[in-house]
Structures are given as structure tokens and as C-alpha cells.
Amino acid sequence: MTRDRHSALIAGLRDLADFLDANPGVPVPSTEIAITVYPPRADDEEMRAVVDTMAAGLGTEIKPSDLSHGHYSTCRSFGPVLYGAVAIMRQARERYAAQSSYEDNVQVSPSQVA
């Protein structure tokens, strides 16, 4: 993230917090809010390195539960706001592409939808 993008994100989050503080009647999500950084597509080792850097900065570990799905991730909670990073490994991307390659071959008639 460039310094300008970094500063803009911080300013936007502060503006949102100030707005919500000044307008307590405005609804907020009832679920957690996730802000996720996805490393630029590269080889698995390079993407893992980005997530490792995030984990070190956040003081968090890599989530072992996501590894079996081909996701290399870390996350830190700030109340109901989650901030983290996810790298989707090559094998998981290829598996998803293979599974979704059949989508256009399945045709459902309108009478089957009801």
C-alpha cells in the first residue's frame, strides 16, 4: 500500500468513526466487519511472505484452520472490526477454477426454480 493510500484509509476510518459518533441513530452492522488485505497474485512463497509480514506487525499467528482450505491467513480483532490478510494458494485457486468451469454447462429452466 502506498503511503498516500495508507493515509487515505486512516483518514476515511477516522471520518467514519466521527460520523457514527455524531449520529448515534444511524444503524451499524450487527456482525463483525472484516478489512482484508489480499497480496498481489504471485507465487505462493511471495504471497505467504506478505501475510507473514502482516502477522508480525499485528502480533498474530497464521490461522491453522484456514490452511486445509488453501488459505494462508492472519487476523487481529479490534472489537467487532477484524483486520488481516489472506493469501489464496495456487492449488486452491486452481481447484476453484476447475470447479467453477462447469457453471455455464448447467442450465436450469424457470419452471425448476420455483
N, C-alpha and C. Protein backbone atom coordinates (compact mmCIF):
# COMPACT_ATOMS: atom_id res chain seq x y z
N MET A 1 0.86 -1.16 0.00
CA MET A 1 0.00 0.00 0.00
C MET A 1 0.90 1.23 0.00
N THR A 2 0.62 2.13 -0.91
CA THR A 2 1.42 3.35 -0.95
C THR A 2 1.12 4.21 0.27
N ARG A 3 2.01 5.11 0.55
CA ARG A 3 1.82 6.00 1.71
C ARG A 3 0.55 6.81 1.56
N ASP A 4 0.25 7.29 0.33
CA ASP A 4 -0.98 8.06 0.11
C ASP A 4 -2.21 7.21 0.40
N ARG A 5 -2.19 5.96 -0.07
CA ARG A 5 -3.33 5.06 0.15
C ARG A 5 -3.46 4.75 1.65
N HIS A 6 -2.35 4.55 2.31
CA HIS A 6 -2.31 4.29 3.75
C HIS A 6 -2.94 5.46 4.50
N SER A 7 -2.51 6.67 4.20
CA SER A 7 -3.04 7.87 4.85
C SER A 7 -4.52 8.06 4.55
N ALA A 8 -4.93 7.80 3.31
CA ALA A 8 -6.33 7.94 2.92
C ALA A 8 -7.21 6.95 3.67
N LEU A 9 -6.73 5.73 3.85
CA LEU A 9 -7.50 4.73 4.60
C LEU A 9 -7.68 5.16 6.05
N ILE A 10 -6.62 5.61 6.67
CA ILE A 10 -6.69 6.07 8.06
C ILE A 10 -7.66 7.23 8.18
N ALA A 11 -7.57 8.20 7.29
CA ALA A 11 -8.47 9.36 7.32
C ALA A 11 -9.92 8.92 7.13
N GLY A 12 -10.15 8.00 6.20
CA GLY A 12 -11.51 7.52 5.97
C GLY A 12 -12.09 6.81 7.18
N LEU A 13 -11.28 5.98 7.83
CA LEU A 13 -11.75 5.29 9.03
C LEU A 13 -12.06 6.28 10.16
N ARG A 14 -11.23 7.28 10.30
CA ARG A 14 -11.49 8.30 11.33
C ARG A 14 -12.76 9.08 11.01
N ASP A 15 -12.93 9.44 9.72
CA ASP A 15 -14.14 10.15 9.31
C ASP A 15 -15.39 9.31 9.60
N LEU A 16 -15.32 8.02 9.30
CA LEU A 16 -16.45 7.13 9.57
C LEU A 16 -16.73 7.07 11.07
N ALA A 17 -15.69 6.91 11.88
CA ALA A 17 -15.86 6.85 13.34
C ALA A 17 -16.48 8.14 13.86
N ASP A 18 -15.99 9.28 13.38
CA ASP A 18 -16.55 10.57 13.82
C ASP A 18 -18.02 10.70 13.40
N PHE A 19 -18.34 10.27 12.17
CA PHE A 19 -19.71 10.33 11.69
C PHE A 19 -20.63 9.48 12.55
N LEU A 20 -20.22 8.24 12.82
CA LEU A 20 -21.06 7.35 13.64
C LEU A 20 -21.20 7.86 15.06
N ASP A 21 -20.14 8.44 15.59
CA ASP A 21 -20.20 9.01 16.94
C ASP A 21 -21.18 10.18 16.99
N ALA A 22 -21.19 11.01 15.95
CA ALA A 22 -22.07 12.18 15.92
C ALA A 22 -23.50 11.83 15.54
N ASN A 23 -23.72 10.62 15.01
CA ASN A 23 -25.04 10.21 14.55
C ASN A 23 -25.40 8.85 15.14
N PRO A 24 -25.68 8.80 16.44
CA PRO A 24 -25.92 7.51 17.10
C PRO A 24 -27.17 6.78 16.60
N GLY A 25 -28.05 7.48 15.89
CA GLY A 25 -29.24 6.83 15.35
C GLY A 25 -29.00 6.07 14.05
N VAL A 26 -27.84 6.26 13.46
CA VAL A 26 -27.52 5.56 12.21
C VAL A 26 -27.19 4.11 12.55
N PRO A 27 -27.86 3.16 11.91
CA PRO A 27 -27.58 1.75 12.22
C PRO A 27 -26.15 1.36 11.85
N VAL A 28 -25.65 0.39 12.58
CA VAL A 28 -24.33 -0.19 12.28
C VAL A 28 -24.52 -1.70 12.08
N PRO A 29 -23.60 -2.34 11.41
CA PRO A 29 -23.75 -3.79 11.18
C PRO A 29 -23.86 -4.56 12.50
N SER A 30 -24.66 -5.60 12.48
CA SER A 30 -24.81 -6.44 13.67
C SER A 30 -23.77 -7.56 13.70
N THR A 31 -22.99 -7.65 12.64
CA THR A 31 -21.94 -8.67 12.56
C THR A 31 -20.58 -7.99 12.54
N GLU A 32 -19.56 -8.80 12.63
CA GLU A 32 -18.20 -8.26 12.56
C GLU A 32 -17.95 -7.65 11.18
N ILE A 33 -17.07 -6.68 11.14
CA ILE A 33 -16.65 -6.04 9.90
C ILE A 33 -15.22 -6.48 9.64
N ALA A 34 -14.97 -7.02 8.46
CA ALA A 34 -13.63 -7.50 8.13
C ALA A 34 -12.99 -6.61 7.08
N ILE A 35 -11.79 -6.17 7.38
CA ILE A 35 -10.96 -5.46 6.41
C ILE A 35 -9.82 -6.42 6.09
N THR A 36 -9.78 -6.86 4.85
CA THR A 36 -8.84 -7.91 4.46
C THR A 36 -7.90 -7.43 3.36
N VAL A 37 -6.63 -7.64 3.57
CA VAL A 37 -5.61 -7.35 2.57
C VAL A 37 -5.33 -8.64 1.82
N TYR A 38 -5.40 -8.57 0.49
CA TYR A 38 -5.04 -9.71 -0.36
C TYR A 38 -3.75 -9.37 -1.07
N PRO A 39 -2.68 -10.14 -0.83
CA PRO A 39 -1.42 -9.84 -1.50
C PRO A 39 -1.59 -9.91 -3.02
N PRO A 40 -0.80 -9.15 -3.75
CA PRO A 40 -0.84 -9.26 -5.21
C PRO A 40 -0.55 -10.70 -5.63
N ARG A 41 -1.21 -11.17 -6.67
CA ARG A 41 -1.01 -12.54 -7.15
C ARG A 41 0.45 -12.73 -7.51
N ALA A 42 1.04 -13.74 -6.92
CA ALA A 42 2.45 -14.08 -7.14
C ALA A 42 2.59 -15.56 -6.83
N ASP A 43 3.82 -16.04 -6.74
CA ASP A 43 3.95 -17.44 -6.34
C ASP A 43 3.63 -17.55 -4.85
N ASP A 44 3.32 -18.77 -4.42
CA ASP A 44 2.86 -18.98 -3.05
C ASP A 44 3.83 -18.43 -2.01
N GLU A 45 5.11 -18.62 -2.23
CA GLU A 45 6.11 -18.17 -1.26
C GLU A 45 6.07 -16.66 -1.08
N GLU A 46 5.95 -15.93 -2.17
CA GLU A 46 5.89 -14.46 -2.08
C GLU A 46 4.62 -14.00 -1.37
N MET A 47 3.50 -14.64 -1.66
CA MET A 47 2.25 -14.24 -1.01
C MET A 47 2.28 -14.58 0.48
N ARG A 48 2.85 -15.74 0.82
CA ARG A 48 2.98 -16.09 2.25
C ARG A 48 3.85 -15.07 2.97
N ALA A 49 4.88 -14.57 2.30
CA ALA A 49 5.77 -13.59 2.92
C ALA A 49 5.02 -12.30 3.27
N VAL A 50 4.08 -11.88 2.40
CA VAL A 50 3.28 -10.69 2.69
C VAL A 50 2.42 -10.93 3.93
N VAL A 51 1.78 -12.10 4.00
CA VAL A 51 0.94 -12.42 5.15
C VAL A 51 1.79 -12.55 6.41
N ASP A 52 2.97 -13.15 6.30
CA ASP A 52 3.87 -13.25 7.45
C ASP A 52 4.26 -11.86 7.97
N THR A 53 4.50 -10.92 7.06
CA THR A 53 4.84 -9.56 7.46
C THR A 53 3.67 -8.91 8.20
N MET A 54 2.45 -9.14 7.68
CA MET A 54 1.25 -8.62 8.37
C MET A 54 1.13 -9.24 9.76
N ALA A 55 1.31 -10.56 9.85
CA ALA A 55 1.19 -11.25 11.14
C ALA A 55 2.19 -10.69 12.14
N ALA A 56 3.41 -10.46 11.69
CA ALA A 56 4.43 -9.90 12.59
C ALA A 56 4.02 -8.51 13.06
N GLY A 57 3.52 -7.69 12.15
CA GLY A 57 3.10 -6.34 12.51
C GLY A 57 1.88 -6.32 13.43
N LEU A 58 0.98 -7.26 13.22
CA LEU A 58 -0.24 -7.33 14.04
C LEU A 58 -0.02 -8.08 15.35
N GLY A 59 1.10 -8.80 15.45
CA GLY A 59 1.33 -9.63 16.64
C GLY A 59 0.43 -10.85 16.67
N THR A 60 0.15 -11.41 15.49
CA THR A 60 -0.76 -12.55 15.38
C THR A 60 -0.05 -13.74 14.76
N GLU A 61 -0.74 -14.87 14.78
CA GLU A 61 -0.22 -16.10 14.19
C GLU A 61 -0.95 -16.37 12.87
N ILE A 62 -0.42 -17.30 12.10
CA ILE A 62 -1.12 -17.79 10.92
C ILE A 62 -2.24 -18.70 11.40
N LYS A 63 -3.44 -18.57 10.82
CA LYS A 63 -4.60 -19.36 11.25
C LYS A 63 -4.50 -20.78 10.70
N PRO A 64 -4.23 -21.76 11.55
CA PRO A 64 -4.09 -23.14 11.06
C PRO A 64 -5.38 -23.69 10.47
N SER A 65 -6.54 -23.22 10.93
CA SER A 65 -7.81 -23.75 10.42
C SER A 65 -8.04 -23.41 8.95
N ASP A 66 -7.40 -22.37 8.45
CA ASP A 66 -7.58 -21.98 7.04
C ASP A 66 -6.64 -22.72 6.09
N LEU A 67 -5.58 -23.30 6.63
CA LEU A 67 -4.58 -23.95 5.78
C LEU A 67 -5.16 -25.10 4.97
N SER A 68 -6.08 -25.87 5.56
CA SER A 68 -6.65 -27.01 4.84
C SER A 68 -7.50 -26.58 3.66
N HIS A 69 -7.91 -25.32 3.63
CA HIS A 69 -8.69 -24.78 2.52
C HIS A 69 -7.80 -24.07 1.49
N GLY A 70 -6.50 -24.08 1.72
CA GLY A 70 -5.58 -23.42 0.80
C GLY A 70 -5.48 -21.92 1.02
N HIS A 71 -5.88 -21.47 2.21
CA HIS A 71 -5.78 -20.06 2.54
C HIS A 71 -4.73 -19.88 3.63
N TYR A 72 -3.82 -18.96 3.38
CA TYR A 72 -2.76 -18.64 4.33
C TYR A 72 -3.14 -17.29 4.90
N SER A 73 -3.58 -17.26 6.18
CA SER A 73 -4.19 -16.03 6.67
C SER A 73 -3.82 -15.72 8.11
N THR A 74 -4.04 -14.47 8.44
CA THR A 74 -3.87 -13.98 9.80
C THR A 74 -4.88 -12.87 10.02
N CYS A 75 -5.22 -12.63 11.27
CA CYS A 75 -6.25 -11.64 11.56
C CYS A 75 -6.12 -11.17 13.01
N ARG A 76 -6.43 -9.90 13.22
CA ARG A 76 -6.49 -9.35 14.58
C ARG A 76 -7.82 -8.65 14.75
N SER A 77 -8.41 -8.81 15.93
CA SER A 77 -9.69 -8.17 16.24
C SER A 77 -9.46 -6.85 16.95
N PHE A 78 -10.19 -5.84 16.50
CA PHE A 78 -10.26 -4.55 17.18
C PHE A 78 -11.74 -4.38 17.50
N GLY A 79 -12.18 -5.00 18.60
CA GLY A 79 -13.61 -5.06 18.88
C GLY A 79 -14.29 -5.85 17.78
N PRO A 80 -15.36 -5.30 17.20
CA PRO A 80 -16.05 -6.03 16.12
C PRO A 80 -15.41 -5.83 14.75
N VAL A 81 -14.27 -5.17 14.70
CA VAL A 81 -13.57 -4.93 13.44
C VAL A 81 -12.38 -5.87 13.35
N LEU A 82 -12.34 -6.65 12.27
CA LEU A 82 -11.24 -7.57 12.03
C LEU A 82 -10.34 -7.00 10.95
N TYR A 83 -9.04 -7.06 11.18
CA TYR A 83 -8.07 -6.58 10.20
C TYR A 83 -7.07 -7.69 9.96
N GLY A 84 -6.91 -8.08 8.72
CA GLY A 84 -6.00 -9.18 8.45
C GLY A 84 -5.62 -9.30 7.00
N ALA A 85 -5.01 -10.42 6.68
CA ALA A 85 -4.56 -10.69 5.32
C ALA A 85 -4.82 -12.15 4.98
N VAL A 86 -5.14 -12.39 3.71
CA VAL A 86 -5.37 -13.75 3.22
C VAL A 86 -4.67 -13.90 1.88
N ALA A 87 -3.87 -14.94 1.78
CA ALA A 87 -3.28 -15.33 0.50
C ALA A 87 -3.92 -16.65 0.10
N ILE A 88 -4.49 -16.68 -1.09
CA ILE A 88 -5.10 -17.91 -1.58
C ILE A 88 -4.06 -18.63 -2.43
N MET A 89 -3.66 -19.79 -1.96
CA MET A 89 -2.57 -20.53 -2.58
C MET A 89 -2.95 -21.06 -3.97
N ARG A 90 -1.93 -21.27 -4.79
CA ARG A 90 -2.10 -21.68 -6.19
C ARG A 90 -3.01 -22.89 -6.31
N GLN A 91 -2.80 -23.91 -5.52
CA GLN A 91 -3.60 -25.13 -5.63
C GLN A 91 -5.08 -24.85 -5.36
N ALA A 92 -5.37 -24.00 -4.39
CA ALA A 92 -6.76 -23.65 -4.08
C ALA A 92 -7.39 -22.85 -5.22
N ARG A 93 -6.61 -21.93 -5.82
CA ARG A 93 -7.13 -21.17 -6.96
C ARG A 93 -7.42 -22.08 -8.14
N GLU A 94 -6.53 -23.04 -8.38
CA GLU A 94 -6.73 -23.97 -9.48
C GLU A 94 -7.93 -24.88 -9.23
N ARG A 95 -8.10 -25.33 -7.99
CA ARG A 95 -9.24 -26.17 -7.65
C ARG A 95 -10.56 -25.40 -7.85
N TYR A 96 -10.59 -24.15 -7.43
CA TYR A 96 -11.78 -23.32 -7.61
C TYR A 96 -12.07 -23.10 -9.10
N ALA A 97 -11.04 -22.81 -9.87
CA ALA A 97 -11.23 -22.60 -11.31
C ALA A 97 -11.78 -23.85 -11.98
N ALA A 98 -11.28 -25.02 -11.59
CA ALA A 98 -11.78 -26.27 -12.17
C ALA A 98 -13.23 -26.50 -11.79
N GLN A 99 -13.59 -26.27 -10.53
CA GLN A 99 -14.96 -26.48 -10.09
C GLN A 99 -15.92 -25.51 -10.77
N SER A 100 -15.52 -24.26 -10.91
CA SER A 100 -16.43 -23.27 -11.49
C SER A 100 -16.46 -23.32 -13.02
N SER A 101 -15.57 -24.08 -13.62
CA SER A 101 -15.55 -24.16 -15.08
C SER A 101 -16.80 -24.83 -15.64
N TYR A 102 -17.55 -25.51 -14.80
CA TYR A 102 -18.77 -26.19 -15.25
C TYR A 102 -20.02 -25.32 -15.13
N GLU A 103 -19.91 -24.14 -14.52
CA GLU A 103 -21.08 -23.31 -14.26
C GLU A 103 -21.94 -23.05 -15.50
N ASP A 104 -21.32 -22.73 -16.62
CA ASP A 104 -22.08 -22.40 -17.82
C ASP A 104 -22.73 -23.62 -18.46
N ASN A 105 -22.34 -24.81 -18.04
CA ASN A 105 -22.89 -26.03 -18.61
C ASN A 105 -24.16 -26.50 -17.91
N VAL A 106 -24.46 -25.91 -16.77
CA VAL A 106 -25.65 -26.31 -16.03
C VAL A 106 -26.75 -25.30 -16.34
N GLN A 107 -27.83 -25.79 -16.94
CA GLN A 107 -28.96 -24.92 -17.32
C GLN A 107 -30.18 -25.30 -16.48
N VAL A 108 -30.78 -24.34 -15.86
CA VAL A 108 -31.97 -24.56 -15.05
C VAL A 108 -33.12 -23.81 -15.72
N SER A 109 -34.18 -24.51 -16.04
CA SER A 109 -35.33 -23.84 -16.65
C SER A 109 -36.10 -23.10 -15.57
N PRO A 110 -36.81 -22.02 -15.95
CA PRO A 110 -37.57 -21.24 -14.96
C PRO A 110 -38.55 -22.09 -14.16
N SER A 111 -39.10 -23.14 -14.75
CA SER A 111 -40.05 -23.96 -14.02
C SER A 111 -39.39 -24.77 -12.91
N GLN A 112 -38.07 -25.00 -13.01
CA GLN A 112 -37.35 -25.74 -11.98
C GLN A 112 -36.96 -24.86 -10.80
N VAL A 113 -37.00 -23.58 -10.98
CA VAL A 113 -36.56 -22.65 -9.94
C VAL A 113 -37.65 -22.46 -8.87
N ALA A 114 -38.88 -22.50 -9.26
CA ALA A 114 -40.00 -22.25 -8.33
C ALA A 114 -40.06 -23.26 -7.28
